[in-house]
N, C-alpha and C. Protein backbone atom coordinates (compact mmCIF):
# COMPACT_ATOMS: atom_id res chain seq x y z
N MET A 1 80.61 47.23 101.46
CA MET A 1 79.19 47.60 101.38
C MET A 1 79.02 48.92 100.62
N ILE A 2 77.94 48.99 99.87
CA ILE A 2 77.66 50.22 99.13
C ILE A 2 77.15 51.29 100.08
N LYS A 3 77.68 52.49 99.91
CA LYS A 3 77.31 53.61 100.78
C LYS A 3 76.62 54.74 100.02
N LEU A 4 77.09 55.02 98.79
CA LEU A 4 76.62 56.19 98.04
C LEU A 4 76.08 55.77 96.68
N LEU A 5 74.88 56.25 96.36
CA LEU A 5 74.27 56.04 95.05
C LEU A 5 74.17 57.38 94.33
N ILE A 6 74.77 57.46 93.14
CA ILE A 6 74.73 58.68 92.34
C ILE A 6 73.84 58.43 91.12
N PHE A 7 72.79 59.23 90.99
CA PHE A 7 71.82 59.04 89.92
C PHE A 7 71.91 60.16 88.88
N ASP A 8 71.82 59.78 87.62
CA ASP A 8 71.54 60.74 86.56
C ASP A 8 70.06 61.11 86.69
N LEU A 9 69.64 62.19 86.00
CA LEU A 9 68.24 62.63 86.09
C LEU A 9 67.47 62.33 84.80
N ASP A 10 67.78 63.07 83.73
CA ASP A 10 67.06 62.91 82.47
C ASP A 10 67.30 61.53 81.88
N GLY A 11 66.23 60.78 81.68
CA GLY A 11 66.38 59.46 81.10
C GLY A 11 66.66 58.37 82.11
N THR A 12 66.84 58.74 83.36
CA THR A 12 67.11 57.76 84.42
C THR A 12 66.01 57.81 85.49
N LEU A 13 65.79 58.98 86.05
CA LEU A 13 64.72 59.16 87.03
C LEU A 13 63.45 59.71 86.39
N ALA A 14 63.62 60.59 85.40
CA ALA A 14 62.48 61.27 84.79
C ALA A 14 62.55 61.25 83.28
N ASP A 15 61.39 61.08 82.66
CA ASP A 15 61.27 61.20 81.21
C ASP A 15 60.94 62.66 80.90
N THR A 16 61.96 63.41 80.60
CA THR A 16 61.84 64.85 80.35
C THR A 16 61.85 65.17 78.85
N GLY A 17 61.79 64.13 78.03
CA GLY A 17 62.01 64.29 76.60
C GLY A 17 61.09 65.25 75.89
N GLN A 18 59.79 65.18 76.16
CA GLN A 18 58.83 66.03 75.46
C GLN A 18 59.04 67.50 75.78
N ASP A 19 59.24 67.83 77.05
CA ASP A 19 59.41 69.23 77.43
C ASP A 19 60.73 69.80 76.90
N ILE A 20 61.79 69.00 76.89
CA ILE A 20 63.05 69.47 76.31
C ILE A 20 62.89 69.68 74.81
N THR A 21 62.18 68.78 74.15
CA THR A 21 61.97 68.89 72.71
C THR A 21 61.18 70.15 72.37
N ASN A 22 60.13 70.41 73.11
CA ASN A 22 59.32 71.60 72.87
C ASN A 22 60.15 72.88 73.03
N ALA A 23 60.98 72.91 74.05
CA ALA A 23 61.82 74.08 74.29
C ALA A 23 62.88 74.22 73.20
N LEU A 24 63.43 73.10 72.78
CA LEU A 24 64.45 73.11 71.73
C LEU A 24 63.88 73.64 70.43
N ASN A 25 62.71 73.17 70.04
CA ASN A 25 62.10 73.62 68.79
C ASN A 25 61.71 75.09 68.85
N TYR A 26 61.24 75.54 70.02
CA TYR A 26 60.93 76.96 70.20
C TYR A 26 62.18 77.80 70.05
N ALA A 27 63.27 77.34 70.64
CA ALA A 27 64.53 78.08 70.61
C ALA A 27 65.07 78.22 69.20
N LEU A 28 64.90 77.19 68.39
CA LEU A 28 65.47 77.16 67.04
C LEU A 28 64.57 77.79 65.99
N GLU A 29 63.34 78.10 66.33
CA GLU A 29 62.36 78.58 65.35
C GLU A 29 62.83 79.79 64.52
N PRO A 30 63.51 80.79 65.11
CA PRO A 30 63.93 81.94 64.31
C PRO A 30 64.95 81.60 63.22
N PHE A 31 65.57 80.46 63.32
CA PHE A 31 66.62 80.10 62.38
C PHE A 31 66.11 79.27 61.20
N GLY A 32 64.81 79.04 61.17
CA GLY A 32 64.22 78.38 60.01
C GLY A 32 64.58 76.92 59.84
N VAL A 33 64.97 76.26 60.91
CA VAL A 33 65.31 74.83 60.82
C VAL A 33 64.05 74.00 61.06
N ARG A 34 64.09 72.76 60.66
CA ARG A 34 62.95 71.87 60.85
C ARG A 34 62.77 71.54 62.33
N GLU A 35 61.59 71.10 62.68
CA GLU A 35 61.35 70.69 64.05
C GLU A 35 61.93 69.30 64.30
N TYR A 36 62.42 69.10 65.50
CA TYR A 36 62.98 67.81 65.88
C TYR A 36 61.94 67.01 66.66
N SER A 37 61.97 65.70 66.48
CA SER A 37 61.06 64.82 67.21
C SER A 37 61.61 64.54 68.60
N VAL A 38 60.77 63.96 69.45
CA VAL A 38 61.20 63.60 70.80
C VAL A 38 62.32 62.57 70.74
N ASP A 39 62.17 61.58 69.87
CA ASP A 39 63.20 60.54 69.76
C ASP A 39 64.53 61.13 69.30
N GLU A 40 64.49 62.07 68.37
CA GLU A 40 65.72 62.71 67.90
C GLU A 40 66.37 63.51 69.02
N THR A 41 65.54 64.22 69.78
CA THR A 41 66.08 65.02 70.88
C THR A 41 66.71 64.13 71.94
N LYS A 42 66.04 63.04 72.29
CA LYS A 42 66.58 62.13 73.30
C LYS A 42 67.94 61.57 72.88
N ALA A 43 68.09 61.36 71.58
CA ALA A 43 69.35 60.80 71.08
C ALA A 43 70.48 61.82 71.10
N MET A 44 70.12 63.12 71.19
CA MET A 44 71.13 64.17 71.13
C MET A 44 71.54 64.74 72.48
N VAL A 45 70.60 64.78 73.42
CA VAL A 45 70.90 65.44 74.69
C VAL A 45 71.82 64.60 75.56
N GLY A 46 72.42 65.27 76.54
CA GLY A 46 73.27 64.54 77.48
C GLY A 46 74.51 65.31 77.87
N SER A 47 75.09 66.03 76.92
CA SER A 47 76.34 66.74 77.21
C SER A 47 76.11 68.17 77.69
N GLY A 48 74.85 68.61 77.69
CA GLY A 48 74.56 69.99 78.08
C GLY A 48 73.84 70.70 76.94
N ILE A 49 72.83 71.50 77.28
CA ILE A 49 71.97 72.07 76.26
C ILE A 49 72.66 73.17 75.45
N SER A 50 73.57 73.92 76.05
CA SER A 50 74.23 75.02 75.33
C SER A 50 74.99 74.51 74.12
N ILE A 51 75.76 73.46 74.31
CA ILE A 51 76.55 72.89 73.22
C ILE A 51 75.63 72.34 72.14
N LEU A 52 74.56 71.66 72.55
CA LEU A 52 73.64 71.06 71.59
C LEU A 52 72.96 72.13 70.75
N LEU A 53 72.42 73.15 71.39
CA LEU A 53 71.71 74.18 70.65
C LEU A 53 72.62 74.88 69.64
N ALA A 54 73.82 75.22 70.06
CA ALA A 54 74.76 75.89 69.16
C ALA A 54 75.08 75.03 67.94
N SER A 55 75.13 73.72 68.16
CA SER A 55 75.47 72.82 67.06
C SER A 55 74.33 72.67 66.06
N LEU A 56 73.12 73.05 66.45
CA LEU A 56 71.96 72.89 65.57
C LEU A 56 71.65 74.12 64.75
N ILE A 57 72.36 75.23 64.98
CA ILE A 57 72.18 76.43 64.18
C ILE A 57 72.93 76.26 62.86
N PRO A 58 72.25 76.32 61.73
CA PRO A 58 72.94 76.15 60.44
C PRO A 58 74.02 77.21 60.23
N ASP A 59 75.15 76.80 59.74
CA ASP A 59 76.25 77.75 59.51
C ASP A 59 75.86 78.82 58.50
N ASP A 60 75.01 78.46 57.53
CA ASP A 60 74.65 79.38 56.46
C ASP A 60 73.28 80.03 56.69
N SER A 61 72.81 79.99 57.93
CA SER A 61 71.48 80.52 58.22
C SER A 61 71.44 82.04 58.03
N LYS A 62 70.56 82.50 57.14
CA LYS A 62 70.40 83.94 56.93
C LYS A 62 69.89 84.61 58.20
N ALA A 63 69.05 83.90 58.94
CA ALA A 63 68.54 84.45 60.19
C ALA A 63 69.66 84.67 61.19
N ALA A 64 70.60 83.73 61.25
CA ALA A 64 71.72 83.87 62.17
C ALA A 64 72.56 85.09 61.82
N VAL A 65 72.80 85.29 60.54
CA VAL A 65 73.57 86.45 60.09
C VAL A 65 72.82 87.74 60.40
N ALA A 66 71.51 87.74 60.13
CA ALA A 66 70.70 88.94 60.37
C ALA A 66 70.67 89.31 61.85
N ILE A 67 70.55 88.30 62.70
CA ILE A 67 70.53 88.55 64.14
C ILE A 67 71.85 89.15 64.61
N SER A 68 72.95 88.60 64.11
CA SER A 68 74.27 89.09 64.49
C SER A 68 74.47 90.53 64.02
N ASN A 69 74.01 90.82 62.81
CA ASN A 69 74.21 92.15 62.23
C ASN A 69 73.30 93.21 62.85
N SER A 70 72.08 92.82 63.18
CA SER A 70 71.10 93.82 63.65
C SER A 70 71.27 94.16 65.13
N LYS A 71 71.55 93.18 65.94
CA LYS A 71 71.60 93.42 67.38
C LYS A 71 72.97 93.19 68.00
N GLY A 72 73.87 92.69 67.20
CA GLY A 72 75.18 92.38 67.74
C GLY A 72 75.12 91.22 68.71
N GLN A 73 74.01 90.46 68.67
CA GLN A 73 73.84 89.31 69.56
C GLN A 73 74.25 88.04 68.84
N LYS A 74 75.06 87.27 69.48
CA LYS A 74 75.49 86.02 68.88
C LYS A 74 74.29 85.07 68.76
N PRO A 75 74.19 84.35 67.64
CA PRO A 75 73.09 83.40 67.47
C PRO A 75 73.01 82.38 68.60
N GLU A 76 74.17 81.90 69.08
CA GLU A 76 74.15 80.90 70.14
C GLU A 76 73.60 81.47 71.45
N ASP A 77 73.77 82.80 71.65
CA ASP A 77 73.20 83.42 72.85
C ASP A 77 71.69 83.54 72.73
N LEU A 78 71.23 83.92 71.54
CA LEU A 78 69.79 84.04 71.30
C LEU A 78 69.09 82.70 71.48
N VAL A 79 69.64 81.66 70.88
CA VAL A 79 68.99 80.36 70.93
C VAL A 79 68.96 79.81 72.36
N LEU A 80 70.02 80.04 73.12
CA LEU A 80 70.04 79.58 74.51
C LEU A 80 69.03 80.36 75.36
N ASN A 81 68.97 81.66 75.15
CA ASN A 81 68.03 82.49 75.92
C ASN A 81 66.58 82.09 75.63
N ARG A 82 66.31 81.80 74.35
CA ARG A 82 64.96 81.37 73.98
C ARG A 82 64.63 80.01 74.60
N PHE A 83 65.60 79.11 74.61
CA PHE A 83 65.38 77.79 75.22
C PHE A 83 65.07 77.95 76.70
N LEU A 84 65.89 78.70 77.42
CA LEU A 84 65.71 78.85 78.86
C LEU A 84 64.40 79.56 79.18
N GLU A 85 64.04 80.54 78.35
CA GLU A 85 62.77 81.26 78.56
C GLU A 85 61.59 80.29 78.47
N TYR A 86 61.59 79.46 77.45
CA TYR A 86 60.49 78.53 77.26
C TYR A 86 60.52 77.42 78.32
N TYR A 87 61.69 76.85 78.52
CA TYR A 87 61.81 75.70 79.43
C TYR A 87 61.45 76.10 80.86
N ASP A 88 61.82 77.30 81.24
CA ASP A 88 61.54 77.78 82.59
C ASP A 88 60.03 77.81 82.86
N ASN A 89 59.25 78.08 81.83
CA ASN A 89 57.80 78.20 81.99
C ASN A 89 57.03 76.92 81.68
N HIS A 90 57.72 75.91 81.16
CA HIS A 90 57.05 74.67 80.76
C HIS A 90 57.84 73.45 81.24
N LEU A 91 58.45 73.56 82.40
CA LEU A 91 59.45 72.60 82.84
C LEU A 91 58.92 71.18 83.01
N ILE A 92 57.74 71.05 83.59
CA ILE A 92 57.22 69.71 83.86
C ILE A 92 55.79 69.55 83.34
N GLU A 93 55.49 70.18 82.23
CA GLU A 93 54.16 70.03 81.65
C GLU A 93 53.91 68.59 81.21
N ASN A 94 54.92 67.98 80.64
CA ASN A 94 54.79 66.62 80.13
C ASN A 94 55.76 65.63 80.80
N THR A 95 56.56 66.14 81.71
CA THR A 95 57.59 65.31 82.35
C THR A 95 56.98 64.40 83.42
N VAL A 96 57.41 63.16 83.43
CA VAL A 96 56.92 62.19 84.41
C VAL A 96 58.09 61.37 84.95
N ALA A 97 57.92 60.86 86.15
CA ALA A 97 58.90 59.91 86.69
C ALA A 97 58.69 58.57 86.00
N TYR A 98 59.76 57.86 85.78
CA TYR A 98 59.65 56.52 85.20
C TYR A 98 58.96 55.59 86.19
N PRO A 99 58.41 54.48 85.71
CA PRO A 99 57.76 53.52 86.61
C PRO A 99 58.68 53.04 87.73
N TYR A 100 58.12 52.86 88.90
CA TYR A 100 58.78 52.28 90.08
C TYR A 100 59.82 53.20 90.72
N ILE A 101 59.88 54.46 90.29
CA ILE A 101 60.90 55.36 90.84
C ILE A 101 60.64 55.66 92.31
N LYS A 102 59.47 56.19 92.62
CA LYS A 102 59.21 56.64 93.99
C LYS A 102 59.22 55.50 94.99
N GLU A 103 58.55 54.38 94.64
CA GLU A 103 58.50 53.27 95.58
C GLU A 103 59.87 52.64 95.80
N THR A 104 60.72 52.66 94.78
CA THR A 104 62.07 52.11 94.93
C THR A 104 62.94 53.03 95.77
N LEU A 105 62.88 54.34 95.48
CA LEU A 105 63.66 55.30 96.27
C LEU A 105 63.30 55.21 97.75
N SER A 106 62.04 54.96 98.04
CA SER A 106 61.60 54.88 99.44
C SER A 106 62.21 53.68 100.16
N LYS A 107 62.72 52.72 99.41
CA LYS A 107 63.33 51.51 100.00
C LYS A 107 64.85 51.60 100.07
N LEU A 108 65.40 52.77 99.72
CA LEU A 108 66.85 52.94 99.68
C LEU A 108 67.35 53.86 100.79
N SER A 109 66.65 53.86 101.92
CA SER A 109 67.00 54.78 103.00
C SER A 109 68.34 54.46 103.66
N ASP A 110 68.86 53.26 103.43
CA ASP A 110 70.15 52.89 104.02
C ASP A 110 71.33 53.50 103.27
N TYR A 111 71.06 54.12 102.13
CA TYR A 111 72.13 54.68 101.31
C TYR A 111 72.06 56.21 101.27
N LYS A 112 73.22 56.84 101.09
CA LYS A 112 73.24 58.24 100.72
C LYS A 112 72.93 58.31 99.23
N LYS A 113 72.12 59.27 98.84
CA LYS A 113 71.68 59.35 97.45
C LYS A 113 71.88 60.76 96.91
N ALA A 114 72.46 60.84 95.72
CA ALA A 114 72.72 62.13 95.10
C ALA A 114 72.30 62.09 93.64
N VAL A 115 71.98 63.26 93.10
CA VAL A 115 71.69 63.40 91.67
C VAL A 115 72.80 64.22 91.04
N LEU A 116 73.34 63.70 89.95
CA LEU A 116 74.38 64.39 89.20
C LEU A 116 73.89 64.52 87.77
N SER A 117 73.48 65.73 87.40
CA SER A 117 72.86 65.97 86.09
C SER A 117 73.64 67.00 85.30
N ASN A 118 73.57 66.89 83.98
CA ASN A 118 74.11 67.93 83.11
C ASN A 118 73.06 68.99 82.81
N LYS A 119 71.91 68.89 83.47
CA LYS A 119 70.89 69.95 83.47
C LYS A 119 71.27 70.93 84.58
N ARG A 120 70.93 72.19 84.42
CA ARG A 120 71.26 73.17 85.44
C ARG A 120 70.63 72.79 86.79
N GLU A 121 71.30 73.15 87.86
CA GLU A 121 70.88 72.71 89.18
C GLU A 121 69.48 73.15 89.53
N VAL A 122 69.13 74.40 89.24
CA VAL A 122 67.80 74.89 89.61
C VAL A 122 66.72 74.11 88.90
N TYR A 123 66.94 73.76 87.63
CA TYR A 123 65.95 72.99 86.89
C TYR A 123 65.90 71.54 87.38
N SER A 124 67.06 71.01 87.72
CA SER A 124 67.10 69.64 88.26
C SER A 124 66.27 69.55 89.53
N LYS A 125 66.45 70.50 90.41
CA LYS A 125 65.71 70.49 91.68
C LYS A 125 64.22 70.72 91.45
N ARG A 126 63.89 71.59 90.51
CA ARG A 126 62.46 71.86 90.24
C ARG A 126 61.78 70.63 89.64
N VAL A 127 62.48 69.91 88.78
CA VAL A 127 61.91 68.68 88.23
C VAL A 127 61.69 67.66 89.33
N LEU A 128 62.69 67.45 90.16
CA LEU A 128 62.58 66.49 91.25
C LEU A 128 61.47 66.89 92.22
N GLN A 129 61.36 68.18 92.50
CA GLN A 129 60.31 68.68 93.40
C GLN A 129 58.94 68.47 92.77
N GLY A 130 58.84 68.79 91.48
CA GLY A 130 57.56 68.65 90.79
C GLY A 130 57.09 67.22 90.71
N LEU A 131 58.02 66.28 90.70
CA LEU A 131 57.68 64.86 90.65
C LEU A 131 57.57 64.25 92.05
N ASP A 132 57.74 65.10 93.06
CA ASP A 132 57.62 64.70 94.47
C ASP A 132 58.63 63.63 94.87
N ILE A 133 59.87 63.80 94.39
CA ILE A 133 60.93 62.85 94.79
C ILE A 133 62.19 63.56 95.28
N LEU A 134 62.16 64.88 95.34
CA LEU A 134 63.34 65.62 95.79
C LEU A 134 63.75 65.22 97.20
N GLN A 135 62.78 64.91 98.03
CA GLN A 135 63.05 64.60 99.44
C GLN A 135 63.88 63.34 99.64
N TYR A 136 64.00 62.53 98.62
CA TYR A 136 64.76 61.28 98.75
C TYR A 136 66.27 61.48 98.57
N PHE A 137 66.67 62.68 98.15
CA PHE A 137 68.08 62.89 97.82
C PHE A 137 68.78 63.81 98.81
N ASP A 138 70.01 63.44 99.12
CA ASP A 138 70.81 64.22 100.06
C ASP A 138 71.53 65.37 99.37
N LEU A 139 71.70 65.28 98.07
CA LEU A 139 72.46 66.29 97.33
C LEU A 139 72.03 66.27 95.86
N VAL A 140 71.91 67.44 95.25
CA VAL A 140 71.59 67.55 93.82
C VAL A 140 72.56 68.55 93.20
N TRP A 141 73.32 68.09 92.22
CA TRP A 141 74.22 68.95 91.48
C TRP A 141 73.83 68.96 90.01
N GLY A 142 73.95 70.15 89.41
CA GLY A 142 73.68 70.31 87.99
C GLY A 142 74.93 70.76 87.26
N SER A 143 74.75 71.10 85.99
CA SER A 143 75.89 71.47 85.14
C SER A 143 76.60 72.72 85.62
N ASP A 144 75.87 73.59 86.32
CA ASP A 144 76.43 74.86 86.78
C ASP A 144 76.93 74.80 88.21
N SER A 145 76.92 73.61 88.81
CA SER A 145 77.39 73.50 90.20
C SER A 145 78.54 72.51 90.33
N VAL A 146 79.15 72.17 89.20
CA VAL A 146 80.29 71.24 89.23
C VAL A 146 81.48 71.88 88.51
N ARG A 147 82.66 71.37 88.84
CA ARG A 147 83.88 71.90 88.20
C ARG A 147 83.99 71.43 86.76
N GLU A 148 83.55 70.22 86.51
CA GLU A 148 83.52 69.67 85.16
C GLU A 148 82.28 68.81 85.02
N LYS A 149 81.69 68.80 83.82
CA LYS A 149 80.48 68.02 83.59
C LYS A 149 80.82 66.60 83.15
N LYS A 150 79.86 65.68 83.34
CA LYS A 150 80.00 64.35 82.76
C LYS A 150 80.19 64.48 81.25
N PRO A 151 81.05 63.70 80.63
CA PRO A 151 81.60 62.43 81.09
C PRO A 151 82.89 62.52 81.93
N SER A 152 83.26 63.73 82.36
CA SER A 152 84.41 63.84 83.26
C SER A 152 84.10 63.13 84.58
N PRO A 153 85.07 62.45 85.16
CA PRO A 153 84.86 61.81 86.46
C PRO A 153 84.99 62.80 87.62
N VAL A 154 85.39 64.02 87.34
CA VAL A 154 85.66 64.99 88.41
C VAL A 154 84.45 65.19 89.33
N PRO A 155 83.23 65.42 88.81
CA PRO A 155 82.10 65.61 89.73
C PRO A 155 81.78 64.35 90.53
N VAL A 156 82.08 63.18 89.97
CA VAL A 156 81.89 61.93 90.71
C VAL A 156 82.86 61.88 91.89
N PHE A 157 84.11 62.21 91.63
CA PHE A 157 85.10 62.25 92.71
C PHE A 157 84.68 63.26 93.79
N ASP A 158 84.18 64.42 93.36
CA ASP A 158 83.78 65.45 94.32
C ASP A 158 82.61 64.98 95.18
N MET A 159 81.69 64.26 94.59
CA MET A 159 80.57 63.72 95.37
C MET A 159 81.05 62.66 96.35
N MET A 160 81.97 61.82 95.90
CA MET A 160 82.51 60.79 96.78
C MET A 160 83.21 61.44 97.98
N GLU A 161 83.93 62.51 97.72
CA GLU A 161 84.61 63.22 98.81
C GLU A 161 83.59 63.84 99.77
N GLN A 162 82.51 64.38 99.20
CA GLN A 162 81.46 65.02 99.99
C GLN A 162 80.87 64.03 101.01
N PHE A 163 80.74 62.78 100.60
CA PHE A 163 80.12 61.78 101.47
C PHE A 163 81.13 60.81 102.08
N SER A 164 82.41 61.10 101.90
CA SER A 164 83.48 60.23 102.42
C SER A 164 83.27 58.78 101.98
N ALA A 165 82.98 58.63 100.70
CA ALA A 165 82.72 57.30 100.14
C ALA A 165 83.89 56.89 99.23
N SER A 166 84.31 55.65 99.35
CA SER A 166 85.39 55.14 98.51
C SER A 166 84.82 54.63 97.19
N ARG A 167 85.73 54.24 96.29
CA ARG A 167 85.29 53.68 95.01
C ARG A 167 84.43 52.44 95.21
N ASP A 168 84.83 51.58 96.13
CA ASP A 168 84.10 50.34 96.38
C ASP A 168 82.74 50.58 97.02
N GLU A 169 82.56 51.78 97.56
CA GLU A 169 81.30 52.10 98.25
C GLU A 169 80.35 52.93 97.41
N THR A 170 80.71 53.19 96.16
CA THR A 170 79.94 54.11 95.32
C THR A 170 79.43 53.43 94.06
N VAL A 171 78.19 53.73 93.70
CA VAL A 171 77.58 53.21 92.47
C VAL A 171 76.94 54.36 91.73
N LEU A 172 77.13 54.40 90.41
CA LEU A 172 76.49 55.40 89.57
C LEU A 172 75.44 54.73 88.70
N ILE A 173 74.25 55.34 88.62
CA ILE A 173 73.14 54.79 87.84
C ILE A 173 72.75 55.81 86.78
N GLY A 174 72.81 55.41 85.51
CA GLY A 174 72.48 56.34 84.44
C GLY A 174 72.07 55.66 83.16
N ASP A 175 71.61 56.47 82.20
CA ASP A 175 71.07 55.91 80.96
C ASP A 175 71.91 56.20 79.73
N SER A 176 72.99 56.95 79.87
CA SER A 176 73.73 57.37 78.68
C SER A 176 75.21 57.02 78.75
N ASN A 177 75.85 57.15 77.61
CA ASN A 177 77.29 56.91 77.53
C ASN A 177 78.06 57.91 78.39
N TYR A 178 77.51 59.11 78.60
CA TYR A 178 78.18 60.10 79.45
C TYR A 178 78.25 59.60 80.89
N ASP A 179 77.18 58.95 81.35
CA ASP A 179 77.18 58.39 82.70
C ASP A 179 78.16 57.23 82.81
N ILE A 180 78.11 56.35 81.81
CA ILE A 180 78.98 55.18 81.84
C ILE A 180 80.45 55.61 81.84
N GLU A 181 80.78 56.56 80.97
CA GLU A 181 82.18 57.01 80.86
C GLU A 181 82.64 57.68 82.14
N ALA A 182 81.78 58.50 82.74
CA ALA A 182 82.15 59.19 83.99
C ALA A 182 82.38 58.18 85.11
N GLY A 183 81.48 57.22 85.23
CA GLY A 183 81.61 56.23 86.29
C GLY A 183 82.81 55.33 86.13
N LYS A 184 83.04 54.86 84.89
CA LYS A 184 84.17 53.98 84.64
C LYS A 184 85.49 54.71 84.86
N ALA A 185 85.55 55.98 84.44
CA ALA A 185 86.76 56.77 84.63
C ALA A 185 87.03 57.01 86.12
N ALA A 186 85.98 57.03 86.91
CA ALA A 186 86.13 57.22 88.36
C ALA A 186 86.45 55.91 89.07
N GLY A 187 86.35 54.80 88.35
CA GLY A 187 86.69 53.52 88.94
C GLY A 187 85.61 52.94 89.83
N ILE A 188 84.35 53.34 89.60
CA ILE A 188 83.27 52.85 90.44
C ILE A 188 82.35 51.92 89.63
N THR A 189 81.46 51.24 90.33
CA THR A 189 80.49 50.37 89.68
C THR A 189 79.43 51.22 88.97
N VAL A 190 79.09 50.84 87.75
CA VAL A 190 78.12 51.60 86.96
C VAL A 190 76.96 50.68 86.56
N ILE A 191 75.75 51.18 86.77
CA ILE A 191 74.54 50.46 86.38
C ILE A 191 73.84 51.27 85.29
N GLY A 192 73.66 50.65 84.13
CA GLY A 192 72.98 51.31 83.04
C GLY A 192 71.50 50.95 83.03
N VAL A 193 70.64 51.95 82.79
CA VAL A 193 69.20 51.69 82.69
C VAL A 193 68.82 51.69 81.22
N THR A 194 68.11 50.66 80.79
CA THR A 194 67.84 50.47 79.37
C THR A 194 66.56 51.15 78.90
N TYR A 195 65.78 51.69 79.84
CA TYR A 195 64.50 52.28 79.48
C TYR A 195 64.60 53.78 79.15
N GLY A 196 65.81 54.36 79.25
CA GLY A 196 65.98 55.80 79.13
C GLY A 196 66.16 56.32 77.72
N PHE A 197 67.03 57.33 77.59
CA PHE A 197 67.19 58.04 76.32
C PHE A 197 68.12 57.32 75.34
N ARG A 198 68.94 56.39 75.82
CA ARG A 198 69.92 55.75 74.95
C ARG A 198 69.63 54.25 74.82
N SER A 199 70.01 53.70 73.69
CA SER A 199 69.82 52.27 73.46
C SER A 199 70.93 51.47 74.15
N ARG A 200 70.77 50.16 74.17
CA ARG A 200 71.70 49.29 74.88
C ARG A 200 73.14 49.42 74.40
N GLU A 201 73.32 49.72 73.13
CA GLU A 201 74.68 49.78 72.59
C GLU A 201 75.51 50.86 73.28
N PHE A 202 74.86 51.89 73.76
CA PHE A 202 75.57 52.96 74.46
C PHE A 202 75.90 52.57 75.90
N LEU A 203 75.32 51.48 76.38
CA LEU A 203 75.49 51.06 77.76
C LEU A 203 76.38 49.83 77.89
N LYS A 204 76.99 49.43 76.80
CA LYS A 204 77.71 48.15 76.76
C LYS A 204 78.85 48.06 77.77
N ASP A 205 79.40 49.19 78.18
CA ASP A 205 80.52 49.16 79.13
C ASP A 205 80.07 49.22 80.59
N ALA A 206 78.77 49.28 80.81
CA ALA A 206 78.26 49.28 82.19
C ALA A 206 78.53 47.93 82.86
N ASP A 207 78.66 47.94 84.17
CA ASP A 207 78.88 46.70 84.91
C ASP A 207 77.60 45.87 85.00
N HIS A 208 76.48 46.56 85.05
CA HIS A 208 75.18 45.90 85.13
C HIS A 208 74.18 46.72 84.34
N MET A 209 73.10 46.08 83.88
CA MET A 209 72.01 46.78 83.22
C MET A 209 70.70 46.37 83.87
N ILE A 210 69.78 47.34 83.96
CA ILE A 210 68.45 47.04 84.48
C ILE A 210 67.41 47.56 83.49
N ASP A 211 66.33 46.82 83.34
CA ASP A 211 65.25 47.19 82.42
C ASP A 211 64.13 47.92 83.14
N ARG A 212 64.09 47.80 84.46
CA ARG A 212 63.12 48.50 85.29
C ARG A 212 63.85 49.05 86.51
N PHE A 213 63.39 50.20 86.99
CA PHE A 213 64.12 50.85 88.07
C PHE A 213 64.12 50.01 89.34
N ASP A 214 63.05 49.25 89.60
CA ASP A 214 63.01 48.48 90.84
C ASP A 214 63.99 47.31 90.83
N GLU A 215 64.53 46.97 89.66
CA GLU A 215 65.56 45.93 89.61
C GLU A 215 66.85 46.38 90.30
N LEU A 216 66.96 47.69 90.52
CA LEU A 216 68.12 48.23 91.22
C LEU A 216 68.27 47.60 92.60
N LEU A 217 67.17 47.31 93.25
CA LEU A 217 67.21 46.72 94.59
C LEU A 217 67.93 45.37 94.59
N HIS A 218 67.67 44.57 93.57
CA HIS A 218 68.30 43.25 93.49
C HIS A 218 69.80 43.37 93.18
N VAL A 219 70.13 44.31 92.28
CA VAL A 219 71.54 44.49 91.92
C VAL A 219 72.33 44.96 93.14
N LEU A 220 71.80 45.89 93.88
CA LEU A 220 72.49 46.39 95.07
C LEU A 220 72.64 45.31 96.12
N SER A 221 71.62 44.47 96.26
CA SER A 221 71.70 43.36 97.22
C SER A 221 72.83 42.41 96.83
N ASP A 222 72.93 42.12 95.54
CA ASP A 222 74.00 41.24 95.06
C ASP A 222 75.36 41.87 95.28
N LEU A 223 75.49 43.16 95.00
CA LEU A 223 76.76 43.85 95.17
C LEU A 223 77.20 43.85 96.64
N ASN A 224 76.24 44.05 97.53
CA ASN A 224 76.57 44.06 98.95
C ASN A 224 76.99 42.67 99.45
N GLN A 225 76.38 41.64 98.91
CA GLN A 225 76.77 40.28 99.29
C GLN A 225 78.17 39.95 98.78
N MET A 226 78.48 40.45 97.59
CA MET A 226 79.82 40.23 97.03
C MET A 226 80.87 40.98 97.82
N GLY A 227 80.48 42.17 98.32
CA GLY A 227 81.43 42.99 99.07
C GLY A 227 81.70 42.44 100.44
């Protein structure tokens, strides 16, 4: 029987794309790069914002050189600080829960439920609180509260240990290749959601796919019957 459900956040429980995009474009503005669309941002995020932002600073940016020379501040530090400054103040202006999230979570009281996000823990909790779904989760971990981030299976193992759940008792639900890779490496069942930030091709290694969040109820019922 399934005991523990581990959920990704961005692209799985909440559509955070617009607010992340706005913060990303604000952060990059001093470097003279073009603005990114929501779809472009959704295709890039997942491994952690620090790595993404640093990768988007042009190597030959005159602004980057000027910032380094004038203040001795690394461009990657400036861009991250600007992102966090903006995101902290605009965290859920446009963010919404995906359809059927709250009503489905309310029907999963028989399971332990955790959120494992590559977003920082404080922001993860604030998003969940702002969407009025934080109360459904027993544990929330972010990128700064784990030993290793997804796609490493280490945080999955740590969560399983926290709840004394075996591989056969644990399911991970996510929308990206990082979720799929982490779950498969941990040897647990993985459910990919097709409505999130990644297309189906990134979810091809998932054990199951759902097009709507409430379909999770049927998949879990089938898994429990098989078990």
